[in-house]
Protein backbone atom coordinates (compact mmCIF):
# COMPACT_ATOMS: atom_id res chain seq x y z
CA MET A 1 39.21 248.92 107.27
CA THR A 2 41.66 249.45 110.12
CA ALA A 3 40.55 250.11 113.68
CA LYS A 4 41.95 253.64 113.43
CA THR A 5 39.92 254.39 110.32
CA THR A 6 36.79 252.96 111.94
CA ASN A 7 37.21 255.09 115.05
CA GLU A 8 37.77 258.19 112.94
CA ALA A 9 34.63 257.41 110.96
CA LYS A 10 32.58 257.15 114.14
CA GLU A 11 33.66 260.58 115.34
CA SER A 12 30.69 262.31 113.72
CA GLN A 13 28.04 264.37 115.47
CA PRO A 14 26.52 262.37 118.39
CA PRO A 15 22.95 261.28 117.69
CA ARG A 16 20.06 263.13 119.29
CA PHE A 17 17.57 260.44 120.16
CA PHE A 18 13.82 260.80 120.53
CA GLU A 19 13.08 261.93 124.08
CA THR A 20 11.20 259.19 125.90
CA ASP A 21 9.56 259.49 129.30
CA THR A 22 10.74 256.15 130.68
CA GLU A 23 8.40 256.42 133.64
CA LYS A 24 5.44 256.58 131.25
CA VAL A 25 6.58 253.34 129.60
CA PHE A 26 6.71 251.71 133.04
CA GLN A 27 3.16 252.91 133.69
CA GLN A 28 1.82 251.90 130.28
CA LEU A 29 3.22 248.37 130.28
CA GLY A 30 3.34 247.69 133.99
CA LYS A 31 5.37 244.98 135.65
CA ASP A 32 3.68 242.08 133.84
CA GLY A 33 3.99 243.72 130.42
CA LEU A 34 7.65 244.56 130.87
CA ILE A 35 8.48 241.08 132.16
CA LYS A 36 6.69 239.62 129.14
CA CYS A 37 8.84 241.73 126.80
CA LEU A 38 12.03 240.79 128.63
CA LYS A 39 11.15 237.10 128.32
CA LYS A 40 10.57 237.54 124.57
CA MET A 41 14.00 239.13 124.21
CA LEU A 42 15.56 236.27 126.18
CA LEU A 43 13.85 233.74 123.93
CA ILE A 44 15.21 235.47 120.83
CA ARG A 45 18.72 235.55 122.33
CA ASN A 46 18.72 231.91 123.43
CA PHE A 47 17.16 230.71 120.18
CA GLU A 48 19.83 232.48 118.15
CA VAL A 49 22.65 231.10 120.29
CA ARG A 50 21.43 227.49 119.99
CA ALA A 51 20.59 227.81 116.30
CA GLU A 52 24.06 229.15 115.58
CA ALA A 53 25.52 226.20 117.49
CA ALA A 54 23.43 223.85 115.33
CA TYR A 55 24.77 225.58 112.21
CA GLN A 56 28.33 225.05 113.37
CA GLN A 57 27.52 221.37 113.94
CA GLY A 58 26.47 221.09 110.29
CA LYS A 59 22.77 220.65 111.01
CA ILE A 60 21.80 223.89 109.25
CA GLY A 61 22.87 224.72 105.72
CA GLY A 62 22.84 227.85 103.61
CA PHE A 63 23.16 231.21 105.36
CA PHE A 64 22.48 232.18 108.96
CA HIS A 65 22.16 235.77 110.22
CA SER A 66 21.89 236.39 113.95
CA TYR A 67 19.78 239.16 115.50
CA ILE A 68 21.78 239.18 118.75
CA GLY A 69 22.19 242.73 120.06
CA GLN A 70 19.13 244.15 118.31
CA GLU A 71 16.35 242.44 120.30
CA ALA A 72 14.89 245.63 121.78
CA ILE A 73 13.87 247.04 118.40
CA GLN A 74 11.41 244.52 117.00
CA THR A 75 10.26 243.41 120.45
CA SER A 76 9.08 246.93 121.33
CA ALA A 77 7.57 247.57 117.88
CA ILE A 78 5.54 244.37 117.75
CA GLU A 79 4.49 244.70 121.40
CA LEU A 80 2.90 248.02 120.42
CA LEU A 81 1.36 246.97 117.11
CA GLY A 82 0.33 243.40 117.76
CA PRO A 83 0.14 240.82 114.96
CA LYS A 84 -2.75 242.33 112.96
CA ASN A 85 -0.71 244.66 110.75
CA TRP A 86 1.63 243.89 107.85
CA PHE A 87 5.30 243.10 108.47
CA ALA A 88 8.27 242.59 106.18
CA THR A 89 11.91 242.25 107.10
CA THR A 90 15.36 241.21 105.97
CA TYR A 91 17.00 237.80 105.93
CA ARG A 92 17.78 238.43 109.63
CA CYS A 93 14.25 237.26 110.33
CA HIS A 94 14.17 234.71 113.18
CA ALA A 95 13.23 237.32 115.82
CA MET A 96 10.26 238.69 113.91
CA ALA A 97 8.87 235.21 113.33
CA LEU A 98 9.12 234.40 117.04
CA LEU A 99 7.49 237.70 118.01
CA LEU A 100 4.60 237.13 115.59
CA GLY A 101 3.77 233.76 117.08
CA VAL A 102 5.66 231.26 114.94
CA THR A 103 6.79 228.57 117.36
CA PRO A 104 10.47 227.89 118.11
CA ASN A 105 9.92 224.28 117.00
CA GLU A 106 8.55 225.39 113.64
CA ILE A 107 11.39 227.84 113.06
CA MET A 108 14.18 225.50 114.13
CA ALA A 109 12.74 222.72 111.94
CA GLU A 110 12.77 225.16 109.01
CA LEU A 111 16.39 226.02 109.69
CA TYR A 112 17.17 222.29 109.66
CA GLY A 113 15.31 221.92 106.35
CA LYS A 114 12.73 219.55 107.81
CA ALA A 115 9.17 218.92 106.60
CA SER A 116 7.69 220.25 109.86
CA GLY A 117 9.33 223.62 109.29
CA ASN A 118 7.67 226.97 108.73
CA ALA A 119 8.02 226.68 104.94
CA LYS A 120 8.18 222.87 104.91
CA GLY A 121 11.95 223.04 104.84
CA ARG A 122 12.09 225.00 101.59
CA GLY A 123 12.88 228.48 102.90
CA GLY A 124 15.58 227.92 105.48
CA SER A 125 16.98 230.62 107.73
CA MET A 126 16.28 233.62 105.49
CA HIS A 127 12.63 233.02 104.54
CA LEU A 128 10.15 232.76 107.41
CA TYR A 129 6.46 233.63 107.31
CA SER A 130 3.29 234.07 109.34
CA ASP A 131 -0.23 235.21 108.52
CA ARG A 132 0.94 238.83 108.58
CA MET A 133 4.68 238.40 108.10
CA LEU A 134 5.23 238.78 104.39
CA GLY A 135 8.60 237.13 104.67
CA GLY A 136 12.22 237.41 105.41
CA PHE A 137 13.78 238.58 102.12
CA GLY A 138 17.12 237.33 100.85
CA ILE A 139 17.51 240.17 98.35
CA VAL A 140 18.86 243.35 99.95
CA GLY A 141 16.00 245.85 99.87
CA GLY A 142 13.58 243.34 98.34
CA GLN A 143 11.08 243.73 101.18
CA ILE A 144 10.77 247.52 100.85
CA PRO A 145 8.46 247.64 97.77
CA VAL A 146 6.48 244.69 99.18
CA ALA A 147 5.75 246.53 102.43
CA THR A 148 4.89 249.64 100.42
CA GLY A 149 2.43 247.54 98.43
CA ALA A 150 0.86 246.25 101.64
CA ALA A 151 0.38 249.85 102.77
CA PHE A 152 -1.21 250.65 99.39
CA ARG A 153 -3.66 247.78 99.91
CA THR A 154 -4.58 249.16 103.33
CA LYS A 155 -5.25 252.61 101.89
CA TYR A 156 -7.11 251.27 98.84
CA LEU A 157 -9.44 249.20 101.03
CA GLN A 158 -9.84 252.16 103.41
CA ILE A 159 -8.79 250.19 106.48
CA LYS A 160 -8.24 252.89 109.08
CA ASP A 161 -6.56 250.99 111.93
CA GLU A 162 -3.91 249.11 109.96
CA LEU A 163 -0.42 249.92 108.72
CA ALA A 164 2.58 248.23 107.15
CA ILE A 165 5.95 248.17 108.84
CA CYS A 166 9.13 247.46 106.96
CA PHE A 167 12.41 246.61 108.71
CA LEU A 168 15.62 247.03 106.77
CA GLY A 169 19.32 247.42 107.44
CA GLU A 170 21.34 250.53 106.69
CA GLY A 171 23.05 248.59 103.90
CA ALA A 172 19.79 248.67 101.92
CA VAL A 173 19.47 252.47 101.99
CA PRO A 174 21.61 253.10 98.87
CA GLN A 175 19.36 250.72 96.90
CA GLY A 176 16.97 252.26 94.41
CA SER A 177 14.06 250.31 95.90
CA PHE A 178 14.43 252.29 99.14
CA HIS A 179 14.21 255.70 97.49
CA GLU A 180 11.49 254.75 95.00
CA SER A 181 9.37 253.27 97.78
CA LEU A 182 9.68 256.28 100.08
CA ASN A 183 8.92 258.60 97.18
CA LEU A 184 5.72 256.75 96.26
CA ALA A 185 4.66 256.32 99.89
CA SER A 186 4.93 260.07 100.39
CA LEU A 187 3.25 260.97 97.10
CA TRP A 188 0.33 258.61 97.75
CA ASN A 189 0.06 259.13 101.53
CA LEU A 190 0.55 255.48 102.37
CA PRO A 191 0.42 254.24 105.99
CA CYS A 192 3.88 252.68 106.00
CA VAL A 193 6.61 252.76 108.64
CA TYR A 194 10.14 252.23 107.37
CA VAL A 195 12.45 251.14 110.20
CA VAL A 196 16.16 251.21 109.44
CA GLU A 197 17.97 249.01 111.95
CA ASN A 198 21.29 250.79 111.64
CA ASN A 199 23.70 248.30 113.20
CA GLN A 200 26.64 250.26 111.71
CA TRP A 201 27.95 247.49 109.46
CA GLY A 202 26.62 246.45 106.06
CA MET A 203 28.47 243.14 105.95
CA GLY A 204 32.00 244.47 106.62
CA THR A 205 31.58 248.07 105.46
CA HIS A 206 31.02 250.77 108.06
CA VAL A 207 28.03 253.05 107.43
CA SER A 208 30.36 256.05 107.09
CA ARG A 209 31.79 254.50 103.92
CA ALA A 210 28.41 253.60 102.45
CA ILE A 211 26.15 256.60 103.12
CA ALA A 212 27.07 259.98 101.60
CA ASN A 213 25.89 262.04 104.54
CA SER A 214 28.14 264.16 106.74
CA ASN A 215 26.53 262.86 109.93
CA HIS A 216 25.86 259.33 108.62
CA PHE A 217 22.31 259.52 110.00
CA ILE A 218 19.99 257.68 107.64
CA SER A 219 16.89 259.30 109.12
CA ASP A 220 17.94 262.53 107.40
CA ALA A 221 16.85 260.92 104.12
CA ALA A 222 13.23 261.48 105.15
CA LYS A 223 13.62 265.19 104.47
CA ALA A 224 13.97 264.53 100.73
CA TYR A 225 10.53 262.89 100.69
CA ASP A 226 8.68 265.29 102.98
CA MET A 227 8.36 262.60 105.63
CA LYS A 228 8.51 262.80 109.39
CA TYR A 229 11.39 260.90 110.93
CA TYR A 230 12.47 259.58 114.32
CA ARG A 231 15.92 258.61 115.58
CA LEU A 232 15.88 255.99 118.35
CA ASN A 233 18.43 254.26 120.55
CA GLY A 234 18.08 250.70 119.31
CA MET A 235 19.83 249.32 122.39
CA ASP A 236 17.24 250.84 124.74
CA PHE A 237 13.84 249.11 124.89
CA PHE A 238 12.24 252.11 126.59
CA ASN A 239 13.47 254.63 124.02
CA CYS A 240 12.32 252.37 121.19
CA TYR A 241 8.89 251.82 122.76
CA GLY A 242 8.30 255.53 123.31
CA GLY A 243 9.46 256.49 119.83
CA PHE A 244 7.52 253.74 118.08
CA LYS A 245 4.37 254.65 120.02
CA GLU A 246 4.43 258.24 118.78
CA ALA A 247 5.43 257.23 115.23
CA PHE A 248 2.68 254.63 114.89
CA HIS A 249 0.11 257.09 116.21
CA HIS A 250 1.24 259.64 113.64
CA VAL A 251 0.87 257.16 110.77
CA LEU A 252 -2.52 255.84 111.90
CA THR A 253 -3.98 259.33 112.37
CA SER A 254 -2.47 261.00 109.31
CA SER A 255 -2.07 258.12 106.83
CA ARG A 256 1.39 259.53 106.17
CA PRO A 257 4.56 257.39 106.06
CA VAL A 258 7.42 257.84 108.50
CA LEU A 259 11.07 256.85 108.57
CA ILE A 260 12.59 255.56 111.80
CA GLU A 261 16.29 255.00 112.36
CA CYS A 262 17.26 252.74 115.25
CA LEU A 263 20.94 253.10 116.11
CA SER A 264 22.22 249.73 117.30
CA GLU A 265 25.09 247.33 116.84
CA ARG A 266 24.98 243.60 116.23
CA PHE A 267 27.14 241.46 118.51
CA LYS A 268 27.88 238.86 115.86
CA GLY A 269 29.28 238.95 112.35
CA HIS A 270 27.06 239.75 109.39
CA SER A 271 26.44 236.01 109.09
CA VAL A 272 27.75 232.97 110.92
CA SER A 273 30.63 232.72 108.44
CA ASP A 274 31.78 236.31 109.11
CA PRO A 275 34.68 236.52 111.62
CA GLY A 276 34.10 240.26 112.05
CA LEU A 277 37.73 241.28 111.64
CA TYR A 278 36.69 244.84 110.79
CA ARG A 279 36.01 245.45 114.52
CA THR A 280 38.65 245.23 117.23
CA LYS A 281 37.96 243.17 120.34
CA GLU A 282 37.86 246.41 122.32
CA GLU A 283 35.21 247.90 120.04
CA LEU A 284 33.06 244.79 120.27
CA LYS A 285 33.41 244.70 124.06
CA ALA A 286 32.38 248.34 124.28
CA CYS A 287 29.21 247.84 122.25
CA MET A 288 28.31 244.69 124.22
CA GLU A 289 28.35 246.76 127.40
CA ARG A 290 25.15 248.31 125.99
CA ASP A 291 23.44 244.91 125.73
CA PRO A 292 19.70 245.70 125.40
CA ILE A 293 18.74 242.73 127.56
CA ILE A 294 21.07 243.71 130.39
CA LEU A 295 19.98 247.36 130.16
CA MET A 296 16.35 246.30 130.49
CA LYS A 297 17.16 243.88 133.30
CA ASP A 298 18.94 246.63 135.23
CA ALA A 299 16.02 249.01 134.75
CA LEU A 300 13.52 246.44 136.04
CA GLU A 301 15.73 245.61 139.01
CA LYS A 302 15.86 249.29 140.01
CA LYS A 303 12.05 249.30 140.05
CA ASN A 304 12.00 246.10 142.12
CA PHE A 305 10.16 244.39 139.27
CA LEU A 306 12.89 241.77 138.97
CA THR A 307 15.62 240.04 140.94
CA GLU A 308 18.84 238.45 139.70
CA GLU A 309 17.49 235.02 140.62
CA THR A 310 14.26 235.58 138.69
CA PHE A 311 16.20 236.81 135.68
CA LYS A 312 18.35 233.68 135.72
CA ALA A 313 15.21 231.55 135.93
CA PHE A 314 13.71 233.31 132.90
CA ASP A 315 16.96 232.85 130.99
CA LYS A 316 17.07 229.15 131.87
CA GLU A 317 13.47 228.72 130.76
CA ALA A 318 14.21 230.32 127.38
CA LYS A 319 17.32 228.17 126.99
CA GLU A 320 15.29 225.01 127.61
CA VAL A 321 12.72 226.06 124.99
CA ALA A 322 15.50 226.59 122.45
CA ILE A 323 17.14 223.24 123.24
CA GLU A 324 13.77 221.49 122.97
CA SER A 325 13.29 223.04 119.53
CA MET A 326 16.62 221.53 118.44
CA LYS A 327 15.41 218.12 119.64
CA PHE A 328 12.16 218.59 117.73
CA ALA A 329 14.05 219.52 114.56
CA ASP A 330 16.42 216.57 114.93
CA GLU A 331 13.50 214.16 115.21
CA SER A 332 11.40 215.70 112.43
CA PRO A 333 11.28 213.96 109.03
CA TRP A 334 13.00 215.20 105.90
CA PRO A 335 10.68 216.42 103.14
CA ASP A 336 9.59 213.78 100.65
CA PRO A 337 11.12 214.70 97.24
CA ILE A 338 7.80 213.88 95.60
CA THR A 339 6.29 217.00 97.23
CA LEU A 340 8.91 219.34 95.77
CA GLU A 341 6.62 220.90 93.17
CA GLU A 342 3.58 221.20 95.42
CA GLU A 343 2.34 224.76 96.03
CA VAL A 344 4.88 226.17 93.57
CA PHE A 345 3.11 228.94 91.65
CA ALA A 346 5.84 229.93 89.21
CA PRO A 347 8.25 227.78 87.17
């Protein structure tokens, strides 16, 4: 796709985002809560940067998909929900694991294929887990029916304060699993939140060439399944937090599913091996000017919650944690081949 074609494709109706009262978010989270969220976003960013460097050094095999540029989305969602709900996501899963309490050491060791890793070195970059994280899924759209099933369990057991949240990319929307899952969730009144992290590019194909919708807004799909939907600015932590708060409340009080579209843009290629030639340098520079971490930093500075020096200190701290996780992974043992068939439940 040429730059001209891409620009023409993006000239659709501007998105109307959910209206968030930013001041209310400041009041609800307070200085300490907002600083905590910023530090989580910095940890995700620094972990991804160092892990990608390790991949390029040949220490990580298989695939590697960076979450850089999308940190505000899952950070705000999980800050609201906490770890006691059900979560499922794509193969771009390092951020969710970190946010749900999996340690950087455990994740980096898994990326290195070491025995001390999250899945004992067997899952790699695309398959991370926690007690409530049902996995990063390597199959496009594979997590959508799984999250729907988790929501069914919640309804069947009549658990009133629990929901399932499914993160997916816009590239999964044309899959049958997406439409079948939303249809069943609506028919059965399942407490499931489907979050489409629309970063504009399904591998190298722009959303305008993949979604047959005049506005290219995926959230419009909710209308076909009688579901409420929200459209959020995925680069803005405050807009995401406000939108997620209302959406989660709606699901928990009505036991009805919702569809959320977070408009964002990843700063890296689809995977580490993708040079991203479908975007011009100017286009990439423009989207990086909306860096969610810098936008949040600027907002906190205006409130005198943060100084440039403090921000740099937080960034340095996160960098040191990421580097230490690389050291841990380097020094961890390789899995013993004799354990290969342990805990394997299907041939």
